[in-house]
């Protein structure tokens, strides 16, 4: 049977955070931190595009349909 630790979630969390720290210090442009940062830039550009697309515009046809 496999050994189980009571704090395996904490162990895994520490491992992930340690990997992020190592990636942040390294010059590897393909690290997880660099990928997340590139993803954030893409999400920001997309949200700005959608906000511009969803601007409120006045339509005279709306007035015609209410009367």
PDB file of N, CA and C in Angstrom:
ATOM      1  N   UNK A   1       0.838  -1.191   0.000  1.00  0.00           N
ATOM      2  CA  UNK A   1       0.000   0.000   0.000  1.00  0.00           C
ATOM      3  C   UNK A   1       0.880   1.250   0.000  1.00  0.00           C
ATOM      4  N   UNK A   2       0.344   2.277  -0.563  1.00  0.00           N
ATOM      5  CA  UNK A   2       1.071   3.542  -0.632  1.00  0.00           C
ATOM      6  C   UNK A   2       0.957   4.268   0.703  1.00  0.00           C
ATOM      7  N   UNK A   3       2.023   4.952   1.038  1.00  0.00           N
ATOM      8  CA  UNK A   3       2.000   5.758   2.255  1.00  0.00           C
ATOM      9  C   UNK A   3       1.171   7.011   2.008  1.00  0.00           C
ATOM     10  N   UNK A   4       0.451   7.424   2.992  1.00  0.00           N
ATOM     11  CA  UNK A   4      -0.280   8.683   2.864  1.00  0.00           C
ATOM     12  C   UNK A   4       0.116   9.597   4.012  1.00  0.00           C
ATOM     13  N   UNK A   5       0.280  10.857   3.683  1.00  0.00           N
ATOM     14  CA  UNK A   5       0.619  11.839   4.699  1.00  0.00           C
ATOM     15  C   UNK A   5      -0.622  12.663   5.001  1.00  0.00           C
ATOM     16  N   UNK A   6      -0.765  13.044   6.231  1.00  0.00           N
ATOM     17  CA  UNK A   6      -1.925  13.839   6.603  1.00  0.00           C
ATOM     18  C   UNK A   6      -1.861  15.235   5.996  1.00  0.00           C
ATOM     19  N   UNK A   7      -0.658  15.758   5.762  1.00  0.00           N
ATOM     20  CA  UNK A   7      -0.519  17.126   5.266  1.00  0.00           C
ATOM     21  C   UNK A   7      -0.046  17.137   3.811  1.00  0.00           C
ATOM     22  N   UNK A   8      -0.494  16.193   3.002  1.00  0.00           N
ATOM     23  CA  UNK A   8      -0.038  16.111   1.620  1.00  0.00           C
ATOM     24  C   UNK A   8      -0.470  17.336   0.814  1.00  0.00           C
ATOM     25  N   UNK A   9      -1.598  17.939   1.154  1.00  0.00           N
ATOM     26  CA  UNK A   9      -2.022  19.156   0.465  1.00  0.00           C
ATOM     27  C   UNK A   9      -1.059  20.294   0.708  1.00  0.00           C
ATOM     28  N   UNK A  10      -0.579  20.417   1.948  1.00  0.00           N
ATOM     29  CA  UNK A  10       0.394  21.452   2.269  1.00  0.00           C
ATOM     30  C   UNK A  10       1.715  21.182   1.567  1.00  0.00           C
ATOM     31  N   UNK A  11       2.102  19.923   1.505  1.00  0.00           N
ATOM     32  CA  UNK A  11       3.342  19.550   0.825  1.00  0.00           C
ATOM     33  C   UNK A  11       3.269  19.948  -0.644  1.00  0.00           C
ATOM     34  N   UNK A  12       2.167  19.654  -1.297  1.00  0.00           N
ATOM     35  CA  UNK A  12       2.016  19.974  -2.717  1.00  0.00           C
ATOM     36  C   UNK A  12       1.979  21.481  -2.936  1.00  0.00           C
ATOM     37  N   UNK A  13       1.302  22.193  -2.048  1.00  0.00           N
ATOM     38  CA  UNK A  13       1.236  23.646  -2.157  1.00  0.00           C
ATOM     39  C   UNK A  13       2.625  24.256  -2.045  1.00  0.00           C
ATOM     40  N   UNK A  14       3.414  23.778  -1.106  1.00  0.00           N
ATOM     41  CA  UNK A  14       4.778  24.272  -0.960  1.00  0.00           C
ATOM     42  C   UNK A  14       5.615  23.958  -2.188  1.00  0.00           C
ATOM     43  N   UNK A  15       5.403  22.804  -2.782  1.00  0.00           N
ATOM     44  CA  UNK A  15       6.146  22.435  -3.981  1.00  0.00           C
ATOM     45  C   UNK A  15       5.803  23.364  -5.143  1.00  0.00           C
ATOM     46  N   UNK A  16       4.533  23.680  -5.299  1.00  0.00           N
ATOM     47  CA  UNK A  16       4.110  24.569  -6.385  1.00  0.00           C
ATOM     48  C   UNK A  16       4.672  25.971  -6.172  1.00  0.00           C
ATOM     49  N   UNK A  17       4.576  26.483  -4.958  1.00  0.00           N
ATOM     50  CA  UNK A  17       5.096  27.817  -4.679  1.00  0.00           C
ATOM     51  C   UNK A  17       6.614  27.871  -4.858  1.00  0.00           C
ATOM     52  N   UNK A  18       7.289  26.814  -4.472  1.00  0.00           N
ATOM     53  CA  UNK A  18       8.731  26.746  -4.675  1.00  0.00           C
ATOM     54  C   UNK A  18       9.088  26.753  -6.150  1.00  0.00           C
ATOM     55  N   UNK A  19       8.301  26.065  -6.959  1.00  0.00           N
ATOM     56  CA  UNK A  19       8.551  26.057  -8.403  1.00  0.00           C
ATOM     57  C   UNK A  19       8.343  27.447  -8.991  1.00  0.00           C
ATOM     58  N   UNK A  20       7.327  28.155  -8.533  1.00  0.00           N
ATOM     59  CA  UNK A  20       7.108  29.519  -9.009  1.00  0.00           C
ATOM     60  C   UNK A  20       8.288  30.415  -8.635  1.00  0.00           C
ATOM     61  N   UNK A  21       8.809  30.254  -7.416  1.00  0.00           N
ATOM     62  CA  UNK A  21       9.965  31.060  -7.006  1.00  0.00           C
ATOM     63  C   UNK A  21      11.176  30.762  -7.874  1.00  0.00           C
ATOM     64  N   UNK A  22      11.412  29.491  -8.151  1.00  0.00           N
ATOM     65  CA  UNK A  22      12.554  29.114  -8.994  1.00  0.00           C
ATOM     66  C   UNK A  22      12.379  29.652 -10.405  1.00  0.00           C
ATOM     67  N   UNK A  23      11.172  29.558 -10.937  1.00  0.00           N
ATOM     68  CA  UNK A  23      10.912  30.051 -12.284  1.00  0.00           C
ATOM     69  C   UNK A  23      11.077  31.566 -12.370  1.00  0.00           C
ATOM     70  N   UNK A  24      10.667  32.266 -11.322  1.00  0.00           N
ATOM     71  CA  UNK A  24      10.769  33.723 -11.329  1.00  0.00           C
ATOM     72  C   UNK A  24      12.225  34.159 -11.343  1.00  0.00           C
ATOM     73  N   UNK A  25      13.104  33.417 -10.691  1.00  0.00           N
ATOM     74  CA  UNK A  25      14.524  33.773 -10.649  1.00  0.00           C
ATOM     75  C   UNK A  25      15.259  33.324 -11.901  1.00  0.00           C
ATOM     76  N   UNK A  26      14.748  32.345 -12.604  1.00  0.00           N
ATOM     77  CA  UNK A  26      15.445  31.830 -13.779  1.00  0.00           C
ATOM     78  C   UNK A  26      15.222  32.746 -14.978  1.00  0.00           C
ATOM     79  N   UNK A  27      16.053  32.578 -15.989  1.00  0.00           N
ATOM     80  CA  UNK A  27      15.921  33.396 -17.191  1.00  0.00           C
ATOM     81  C   UNK A  27      15.159  32.650 -18.276  1.00  0.00           C
ATOM     82  N   UNK A  28      14.506  31.584 -17.923  1.00  0.00           N
ATOM     83  CA  UNK A  28      13.770  30.770 -18.883  1.00  0.00           C
ATOM     84  C   UNK A  28      12.492  31.498 -19.285  1.00  0.00           C
ATOM     85  N   UNK A  29      12.341  31.795 -20.564  1.00  0.00           N
ATOM     86  CA  UNK A  29      11.154  32.523 -21.007  1.00  0.00           C
ATOM     87  C   UNK A  29       9.946  31.619 -21.145  1.00  0.00           C
ATOM     88  N   UNK A  30      10.126  30.330 -20.977  1.00  0.00           N
ATOM     89  CA  UNK A  30       9.020  29.391 -21.115  1.00  0.00           C
ATOM     90  C   UNK A  30       8.552  28.874 -19.754  1.00  0.00           C
ATOM     91  N   UNK A  31       8.919  29.571 -18.688  1.00  0.00           N
ATOM     92  CA  UNK A  31       8.549  29.123 -17.350  1.00  0.00           C
ATOM     93  C   UNK A  31       7.071  29.365 -17.090  1.00  0.00           C
ATOM     94  N   UNK A  32       6.558  28.785 -16.041  1.00  0.00           N
ATOM     95  CA  UNK A  32       5.149  28.932 -15.697  1.00  0.00           C
ATOM     96  C   UNK A  32       4.811  30.388 -15.380  1.00  0.00           C
ATOM     97  N   UNK A  33       5.720  31.087 -14.716  1.00  0.00           N
ATOM     98  CA  UNK A  33       5.486  32.489 -14.373  1.00  0.00           C
ATOM     99  C   UNK A  33       5.391  33.334 -15.642  1.00  0.00           C
ATOM    100  N   UNK A  34       6.301  33.104 -16.591  1.00  0.00           N
ATOM    101  CA  UNK A  34       6.281  33.870 -17.843  1.00  0.00           C
ATOM    102  C   UNK A  34       5.013  33.579 -18.627  1.00  0.00           C
ATOM    103  N   UNK A  35       4.573  32.340 -18.635  1.00  0.00           N
ATOM    104  CA  UNK A  35       3.353  31.986 -19.342  1.00  0.00           C
ATOM    105  C   UNK A  35       2.142  32.664 -18.707  1.00  0.00           C
ATOM    106  N   UNK A  36       2.102  32.708 -17.388  1.00  0.00           N
ATOM    107  CA  UNK A  36       0.994  33.375 -16.697  1.00  0.00           C
ATOM    108  C   UNK A  36       0.980  34.871 -17.008  1.00  0.00           C
ATOM    109  N   UNK A  37       2.162  35.474 -17.044  1.00  0.00           N
ATOM    110  CA  UNK A  37       2.234  36.900 -17.323  1.00  0.00           C
ATOM    111  C   UNK A  37       1.789  37.194 -18.756  1.00  0.00           C
ATOM    112  N   UNK A  38       2.182  36.343 -19.708  1.00  0.00           N
ATOM    113  CA  UNK A  38       1.729  36.527 -21.083  1.00  0.00           C
ATOM    114  C   UNK A  38       0.218  36.332 -21.171  1.00  0.00           C
ATOM    115  N   UNK A  39      -0.303  35.391 -20.425  1.00  0.00           N
ATOM    116  CA  UNK A  39      -1.741  35.171 -20.410  1.00  0.00           C
ATOM    117  C   UNK A  39      -2.482  36.359 -19.838  1.00  0.00           C
ATOM    118  N   UNK A  40      -1.910  37.008 -18.837  1.00  0.00           N
ATOM    119  CA  UNK A  40      -2.554  38.176 -18.240  1.00  0.00           C
ATOM    120  C   UNK A  40      -2.633  39.308 -19.251  1.00  0.00           C
ATOM    121  N   UNK A  41      -1.569  39.484 -20.043  1.00  0.00           N
ATOM    122  CA  UNK A  41      -1.584  40.533 -21.061  1.00  0.00           C
ATOM    123  C   UNK A  41      -2.663  40.251 -22.106  1.00  0.00           C
ATOM    124  N   UNK A  42      -2.782  38.999 -22.504  1.00  0.00           N
ATOM    125  CA  UNK A  42      -3.788  38.626 -23.498  1.00  0.00           C
ATOM    126  C   UNK A  42      -5.196  38.820 -22.943  1.00  0.00           C
ATOM    127  N   UNK A  43      -5.422  38.446 -21.675  1.00  0.00           N
ATOM    128  CA  UNK A  43      -6.739  38.625 -21.063  1.00  0.00           C
ATOM    129  C   UNK A  43      -7.098  40.102 -20.944  1.00  0.00           C
ATOM    130  N   UNK A  44      -6.106  40.934 -20.609  1.00  0.00           N
ATOM    131  CA  UNK A  44      -6.361  42.369 -20.485  1.00  0.00           C
ATOM    132  C   UNK A  44      -6.736  42.953 -21.845  1.00  0.00           C
ATOM    133  N   UNK A  45      -6.019  42.574 -22.892  1.00  0.00           N
ATOM    134  CA  UNK A  45      -6.324  43.070 -24.236  1.00  0.00           C
ATOM    135  C   UNK A  45      -7.723  42.624 -24.660  1.00  0.00           C
ATOM    136  N   UNK A  46      -8.080  41.387 -24.361  1.00  0.00           N
ATOM    137  CA  UNK A  46      -9.398  40.868 -24.721  1.00  0.00           C
ATOM    138  C   UNK A  46     -10.496  41.601 -23.966  1.00  0.00           C
ATOM    139  N   UNK A  47     -10.295  41.847 -22.681  1.00  0.00           N
ATOM    140  CA  UNK A  47     -11.331  42.522 -21.898  1.00  0.00           C
ATOM    141  C   UNK A  47     -11.509  43.969 -22.371  1.00  0.00           C
ATOM    142  N   UNK A  48     -10.414  44.637 -22.768  1.00  0.00           N
ATOM    143  CA  UNK A  48     -10.538  45.989 -23.302  1.00  0.00           C
ATOM    144  C   UNK A  48     -11.296  45.979 -24.625  1.00  0.00           C
ATOM    145  N   UNK A  49     -11.027  44.983 -25.451  1.00  0.00           N
ATOM    146  CA  UNK A  49     -11.712  44.864 -26.738  1.00  0.00           C
ATOM    147  C   UNK A  49     -13.204  44.647 -26.523  1.00  0.00           C
ATOM    148  N   UNK A  50     -13.562  43.777 -25.582  1.00  0.00           N
ATOM    149  CA  UNK A  50     -14.967  43.491 -25.323  1.00  0.00           C
ATOM    150  C   UNK A  50     -15.665  44.698 -24.697  1.00  0.00           C
ATOM    151  N   UNK A  51     -14.970  45.449 -23.848  1.00  0.00           N
ATOM    152  CA  UNK A  51     -15.570  46.633 -23.241  1.00  0.00           C
ATOM    153  C   UNK A  51     -15.868  47.671 -24.314  1.00  0.00           C
ATOM    154  N   UNK A  52     -14.954  47.814 -25.263  1.00  0.00           N
ATOM    155  CA  UNK A  52     -15.176  48.765 -26.344  1.00  0.00           C
ATOM    156  C   UNK A  52     -16.339  48.310 -27.234  1.00  0.00           C
ATOM    157  N   UNK A  53     -16.430  47.004 -27.446  1.00  0.00           N
ATOM    158  CA  UNK A  53     -17.489  46.454 -28.283  1.00  0.00           C
ATOM    159  C   UNK A  53     -18.858  46.628 -27.624  1.00  0.00           C
ATOM    160  N   UNK A  54     -18.914  46.557 -26.309  1.00  0.00           N
ATOM    161  CA  UNK A  54     -20.175  46.608 -25.575  1.00  0.00           C
ATOM    162  C   UNK A  54     -20.536  48.005 -25.090  1.00  0.00           C
ATOM    163  N   UNK A  55     -19.975  49.044 -25.721  1.00  0.00           N
ATOM    164  CA  UNK A  55     -20.323  50.400 -25.322  1.00  0.00           C
ATOM    165  C   UNK A  55     -21.802  50.661 -25.620  1.00  0.00           C
ATOM    166  N   UNK A  56     -22.414  51.507 -24.818  1.00  0.00           N
ATOM    167  CA  UNK A  56     -23.813  51.864 -25.017  1.00  0.00           C
ATOM    168  C   UNK A  56     -23.884  52.893 -26.142  1.00  0.00           C
ATOM    169  N   UNK A  57     -24.711  52.603 -27.118  1.00  0.00           N
ATOM    170  CA  UNK A  57     -24.870  53.501 -28.258  1.00  0.00           C
ATOM    171  C   UNK A  57     -26.338  53.875 -28.395  1.00  0.00           C
ATOM    172  N   UNK A  58     -26.562  55.064 -28.881  1.00  0.00           N
ATOM    173  CA  UNK A  58     -27.925  55.547 -29.084  1.00  0.00           C
ATOM    174  C   UNK A  58     -28.414  55.111 -30.458  1.00  0.00           C
ATOM    175  N   UNK A  59     -29.627  54.610 -30.499  1.00  0.00           N
ATOM    176  CA  UNK A  59     -30.233  54.213 -31.770  1.00  0.00           C
ATOM    177  C   UNK A  59     -31.585  54.898 -31.906  1.00  0.00           C
ATOM    178  N   UNK A  60     -31.770  55.670 -32.972  1.00  0.00           N
ATOM    179  CA  UNK A  60     -33.083  56.318 -33.186  1.00  0.00           C
ATOM    180  C   UNK A  60     -34.202  55.296 -33.397  1.00  0.00           C
ATOM    181  N   UNK A  61     -33.874  54.110 -33.854  1.00  0.00           N
ATOM    182  CA  UNK A  61     -34.890  53.084 -34.051  1.00  0.00           C
ATOM    183  C   UNK A  61     -35.549  52.697 -32.731  1.00  0.00           C
ATOM    184  N   UNK A  62     -34.823  52.815 -31.633  1.00  0.00           N
ATOM    185  CA  UNK A  62     -35.385  52.489 -30.335  1.00  0.00           C
ATOM    186  C   UNK A  62     -36.543  53.422 -30.001  1.00  0.00           C
ATOM    187  N   UNK A  63     -36.420  54.698 -30.376  1.00  0.00           N
ATOM    188  CA  UNK A  63     -37.490  55.661 -30.120  1.00  0.00           C
ATOM    189  C   UNK A  63     -38.716  55.358 -30.964  1.00  0.00           C
ATOM    190  N   UNK A  64     -38.498  54.918 -32.197  1.00  0.00           N
ATOM    191  CA  UNK A  64     -39.605  54.618 -33.111  1.00  0.00           C
ATOM    192  C   UNK A  64     -40.405  53.423 -32.595  1.00  0.00           C
ATOM    193  N   UNK A  65     -39.730  52.435 -32.057  1.00  0.00           N
ATOM    194  CA  UNK A  65     -40.433  51.234 -31.602  1.00  0.00           C
ATOM    195  C   UNK A  65     -41.212  51.484 -30.319  1.00  0.00           C
ATOM    196  N   UNK A  66     -40.870  52.523 -29.559  1.00  0.00           N
ATOM    197  CA  UNK A  66     -41.588  52.781 -28.320  1.00  0.00           C
ATOM    198  C   UNK A  66     -42.893  53.522 -28.575  1.00  0.00           C
ATOM    199  N   UNK A  67     -42.997  54.198 -29.679  1.00  0.00           N
ATOM    200  CA  UNK A  67     -44.183  55.018 -29.918  1.00  0.00           C
ATOM    201  C   UNK A  67     -45.324  54.237 -30.494  1.00  0.00           C
TER     202      UNK A  67
END
